[in-house]
């Protein structure tokens, strides 16, 4: 299968140990500039010190590429009642501040999406002989 450039709708299936369920998160491909900015934010040099800001970079850029999630994969507690939350405006469960809710209460999900998209989008495969594929 070919890689679609500028894909606006990818999905990532995750197993959430907190809810003990599968979640589906939708995301878009980041731009090259976003990839550069993510890396620049994650590790910075301040005078003679190296400052690691991976958590901040993952939250900021994870939220930037996440476009939504499967309806009902998240619920919010409203007046003691769990109510399904949706990211899609056409849904009856739509919650306009869904990104803010993810940032505040599910940053772990945001960070794992960022790790998937920015830290490990590809991997080098080996042939049966142990050589890198193509060599």
C-alpha atoms as a PDB file:
ATOM      1  CA  UNK A   1       0.000   0.000   0.000  1.00  0.00           C
ATOM      2  CA  UNK A   2       1.365   3.407  -0.930  1.00  0.00           C
ATOM      3  CA  UNK A   3       1.864   6.227   1.553  1.00  0.00           C
ATOM      4  CA  UNK A   4      -0.649   9.005   0.970  1.00  0.00           C
ATOM      5  CA  UNK A   5       1.025  12.376   1.199  1.00  0.00           C
ATOM      6  CA  UNK A   6      -0.917  15.085   3.049  1.00  0.00           C
ATOM      7  CA  UNK A   7      -3.342  12.533   4.475  1.00  0.00           C
ATOM      8  CA  UNK A   8      -5.898  14.392   6.491  1.00  0.00           C
ATOM      9  CA  UNK A   9      -7.559  11.433   8.143  1.00  0.00           C
ATOM     10  CA  UNK A  10      -5.464   8.678   9.698  1.00  0.00           C
ATOM     11  CA  UNK A  11      -6.540   6.526  12.598  1.00  0.00           C
ATOM     12  CA  UNK A  12      -4.583   5.049  15.448  1.00  0.00           C
ATOM     13  CA  UNK A  13      -6.004   2.206  17.534  1.00  0.00           C
ATOM     14  CA  UNK A  14      -4.813   2.206  21.127  1.00  0.00           C
ATOM     15  CA  UNK A  15      -5.427  -0.043  24.085  1.00  0.00           C
ATOM     16  CA  UNK A  16      -6.230   2.148  27.088  1.00  0.00           C
ATOM     17  CA  UNK A  17      -5.315   0.450  30.345  1.00  0.00           C
ATOM     18  CA  UNK A  18      -7.247   3.018  32.371  1.00  0.00           C
ATOM     19  CA  UNK A  19     -10.612   2.301  30.742  1.00  0.00           C
ATOM     20  CA  UNK A  20      -9.628  -1.244  29.759  1.00  0.00           C
ATOM     21  CA  UNK A  21     -10.866  -0.601  26.237  1.00  0.00           C
ATOM     22  CA  UNK A  22      -9.775   0.138  22.702  1.00  0.00           C
ATOM     23  CA  UNK A  23      -9.736   3.779  21.630  1.00  0.00           C
ATOM     24  CA  UNK A  24      -9.555   5.097  18.095  1.00  0.00           C
ATOM     25  CA  UNK A  25      -7.886   8.466  17.634  1.00  0.00           C
ATOM     26  CA  UNK A  26      -7.983  10.338  14.321  1.00  0.00           C
ATOM     27  CA  UNK A  27      -5.057  12.475  13.260  1.00  0.00           C
ATOM     28  CA  UNK A  28      -3.624  14.272  10.262  1.00  0.00           C
ATOM     29  CA  UNK A  29      -0.107  14.056   8.919  1.00  0.00           C
ATOM     30  CA  UNK A  30       2.163  16.751  10.321  1.00  0.00           C
ATOM     31  CA  UNK A  31       3.961  19.134   8.013  1.00  0.00           C
ATOM     32  CA  UNK A  32       7.738  19.114   7.748  1.00  0.00           C
ATOM     33  CA  UNK A  33       7.768  22.437   9.632  1.00  0.00           C
ATOM     34  CA  UNK A  34       5.747  20.875  12.486  1.00  0.00           C
ATOM     35  CA  UNK A  35       8.220  17.972  12.607  1.00  0.00           C
ATOM     36  CA  UNK A  36      11.115  20.434  12.846  1.00  0.00           C
ATOM     37  CA  UNK A  37       9.381  22.579  15.467  1.00  0.00           C
ATOM     38  CA  UNK A  38       8.534  19.488  17.528  1.00  0.00           C
ATOM     39  CA  UNK A  39      12.170  18.360  17.573  1.00  0.00           C
ATOM     40  CA  UNK A  40      13.393  21.893  18.346  1.00  0.00           C
ATOM     41  CA  UNK A  41      10.972  22.230  21.245  1.00  0.00           C
ATOM     42  CA  UNK A  42      11.676  18.764  22.678  1.00  0.00           C
ATOM     43  CA  UNK A  43      15.409  19.355  23.241  1.00  0.00           C
ATOM     44  CA  UNK A  44      16.781  22.855  23.750  1.00  0.00           C
ATOM     45  CA  UNK A  45      20.120  24.300  24.706  1.00  0.00           C
ATOM     46  CA  UNK A  46      20.124  27.065  27.332  1.00  0.00           C
ATOM     47  CA  UNK A  47      23.666  28.381  27.786  1.00  0.00           C
ATOM     48  CA  UNK A  48      25.699  25.351  28.872  1.00  0.00           C
ATOM     49  CA  UNK A  49      22.708  23.177  29.702  1.00  0.00           C
ATOM     50  CA  UNK A  50      20.540  20.921  27.633  1.00  0.00           C
ATOM     51  CA  UNK A  51      16.871  21.207  28.572  1.00  0.00           C
ATOM     52  CA  UNK A  52      14.510  18.359  27.771  1.00  0.00           C
ATOM     53  CA  UNK A  53      10.926  19.449  27.073  1.00  0.00           C
ATOM     54  CA  UNK A  54       9.530  16.290  25.482  1.00  0.00           C
ATOM     55  CA  UNK A  55       6.317  16.324  27.498  1.00  0.00           C
ATOM     56  CA  UNK A  56       5.467  19.887  26.484  1.00  0.00           C
ATOM     57  CA  UNK A  57       6.359  19.189  22.842  1.00  0.00           C
ATOM     58  CA  UNK A  58       4.279  16.009  22.768  1.00  0.00           C
ATOM     59  CA  UNK A  59       1.234  17.703  24.258  1.00  0.00           C
ATOM     60  CA  UNK A  60       1.460  20.778  22.021  1.00  0.00           C
ATOM     61  CA  UNK A  61       2.093  18.972  18.753  1.00  0.00           C
ATOM     62  CA  UNK A  62      -0.046  15.945  19.590  1.00  0.00           C
ATOM     63  CA  UNK A  63      -3.014  18.268  20.042  1.00  0.00           C
ATOM     64  CA  UNK A  64      -2.092  20.014  16.786  1.00  0.00           C
ATOM     65  CA  UNK A  65      -2.377  16.809  14.717  1.00  0.00           C
ATOM     66  CA  UNK A  66      -5.275  15.091  16.509  1.00  0.00           C
ATOM     67  CA  UNK A  67      -8.444  15.703  14.540  1.00  0.00           C
ATOM     68  CA  UNK A  68     -10.856  13.696  16.667  1.00  0.00           C
ATOM     69  CA  UNK A  69     -11.784  10.325  18.116  1.00  0.00           C
ATOM     70  CA  UNK A  70     -14.439   7.680  17.768  1.00  0.00           C
ATOM     71  CA  UNK A  71     -17.776   8.796  19.183  1.00  0.00           C
ATOM     72  CA  UNK A  72     -18.181   7.471  22.711  1.00  0.00           C
ATOM     73  CA  UNK A  73     -14.532   6.546  23.311  1.00  0.00           C
ATOM     74  CA  UNK A  74     -14.439   9.278  25.954  1.00  0.00           C
ATOM     75  CA  UNK A  75     -17.035  10.283  28.507  1.00  0.00           C
ATOM     76  CA  UNK A  76     -17.150  13.339  30.724  1.00  0.00           C
ATOM     77  CA  UNK A  77     -18.687  13.554  34.131  1.00  0.00           C
ATOM     78  CA  UNK A  78     -21.433  16.179  34.191  1.00  0.00           C
ATOM     79  CA  UNK A  79     -23.248  16.653  37.496  1.00  0.00           C
ATOM     80  CA  UNK A  80     -22.306  13.142  38.634  1.00  0.00           C
ATOM     81  CA  UNK A  81     -23.414  11.505  35.377  1.00  0.00           C
ATOM     82  CA  UNK A  82     -21.071  10.052  32.751  1.00  0.00           C
ATOM     83  CA  UNK A  83     -21.968  11.455  29.341  1.00  0.00           C
ATOM     84  CA  UNK A  84     -20.421  10.335  26.056  1.00  0.00           C
ATOM     85  CA  UNK A  85     -18.266  12.934  24.352  1.00  0.00           C
ATOM     86  CA  UNK A  86     -17.714  13.334  20.619  1.00  0.00           C
ATOM     87  CA  UNK A  87     -15.308  15.405  18.547  1.00  0.00           C
ATOM     88  CA  UNK A  88     -17.523  15.433  15.459  1.00  0.00           C
ATOM     89  CA  UNK A  89     -19.882  18.447  15.305  1.00  0.00           C
ATOM     90  CA  UNK A  90     -22.626  16.364  13.645  1.00  0.00           C
ATOM     91  CA  UNK A  91     -22.842  14.044  16.674  1.00  0.00           C
ATOM     92  CA  UNK A  92     -25.454  14.505  19.394  1.00  0.00           C
ATOM     93  CA  UNK A  93     -22.583  14.000  21.861  1.00  0.00           C
ATOM     94  CA  UNK A  94     -20.416  16.775  20.386  1.00  0.00           C
ATOM     95  CA  UNK A  95     -18.446  18.758  22.949  1.00  0.00           C
ATOM     96  CA  UNK A  96     -16.907  21.932  21.551  1.00  0.00           C
ATOM     97  CA  UNK A  97     -13.982  21.900  23.991  1.00  0.00           C
ATOM     98  CA  UNK A  98     -12.993  18.282  23.324  1.00  0.00           C
ATOM     99  CA  UNK A  99      -9.325  19.174  22.721  1.00  0.00           C
ATOM    100  CA  UNK A 100      -9.131  21.051  26.008  1.00  0.00           C
ATOM    101  CA  UNK A 101     -10.680  18.034  27.765  1.00  0.00           C
ATOM    102  CA  UNK A 102      -8.072  15.722  26.223  1.00  0.00           C
ATOM    103  CA  UNK A 103      -5.258  18.061  27.224  1.00  0.00           C
ATOM    104  CA  UNK A 104      -6.533  18.371  30.801  1.00  0.00           C
ATOM    105  CA  UNK A 105      -7.559  14.773  31.521  1.00  0.00           C
ATOM    106  CA  UNK A 106      -6.003  12.512  28.857  1.00  0.00           C
ATOM    107  CA  UNK A 107      -2.572  13.959  28.116  1.00  0.00           C
ATOM    108  CA  UNK A 108      -1.233  10.392  28.103  1.00  0.00           C
ATOM    109  CA  UNK A 109      -3.328   9.697  24.999  1.00  0.00           C
ATOM    110  CA  UNK A 110      -2.195  12.939  23.357  1.00  0.00           C
ATOM    111  CA  UNK A 111       1.451  12.089  24.085  1.00  0.00           C
ATOM    112  CA  UNK A 112       1.233   8.556  22.706  1.00  0.00           C
ATOM    113  CA  UNK A 113      -0.250   9.925  19.469  1.00  0.00           C
ATOM    114  CA  UNK A 114       2.609  12.441  19.276  1.00  0.00           C
ATOM    115  CA  UNK A 115       5.144   9.671  19.883  1.00  0.00           C
ATOM    116  CA  UNK A 116       3.597   7.608  17.107  1.00  0.00           C
ATOM    117  CA  UNK A 117       3.452  10.508  14.649  1.00  0.00           C
ATOM    118  CA  UNK A 118       6.666  12.414  15.462  1.00  0.00           C
ATOM    119  CA  UNK A 119       9.068   9.968  17.125  1.00  0.00           C
ATOM    120  CA  UNK A 120       8.474   6.696  15.291  1.00  0.00           C
ATOM    121  CA  UNK A 121       6.573   7.185  12.024  1.00  0.00           C
ATOM    122  CA  UNK A 122       8.850   4.756  10.144  1.00  0.00           C
ATOM    123  CA  UNK A 123      11.268   1.972  10.892  1.00  0.00           C
ATOM    124  CA  UNK A 124      14.043   0.277   8.982  1.00  0.00           C
ATOM    125  CA  UNK A 125      13.265  -3.292   8.039  1.00  0.00           C
ATOM    126  CA  UNK A 126      15.768  -6.101   7.650  1.00  0.00           C
ATOM    127  CA  UNK A 127      15.779  -8.727   4.965  1.00  0.00           C
ATOM    128  CA  UNK A 128      15.824 -12.445   5.819  1.00  0.00           C
ATOM    129  CA  UNK A 129      19.638 -12.370   5.634  1.00  0.00           C
ATOM    130  CA  UNK A 130      19.838  -9.672   8.300  1.00  0.00           C
ATOM    131  CA  UNK A 131      20.805  -6.916   5.894  1.00  0.00           C
ATOM    132  CA  UNK A 132      18.844  -3.701   5.714  1.00  0.00           C
ATOM    133  CA  UNK A 133      16.134  -4.105   3.052  1.00  0.00           C
ATOM    134  CA  UNK A 134      17.252  -2.944  -0.373  1.00  0.00           C
ATOM    135  CA  UNK A 135      20.973  -3.697   0.215  1.00  0.00           C
END
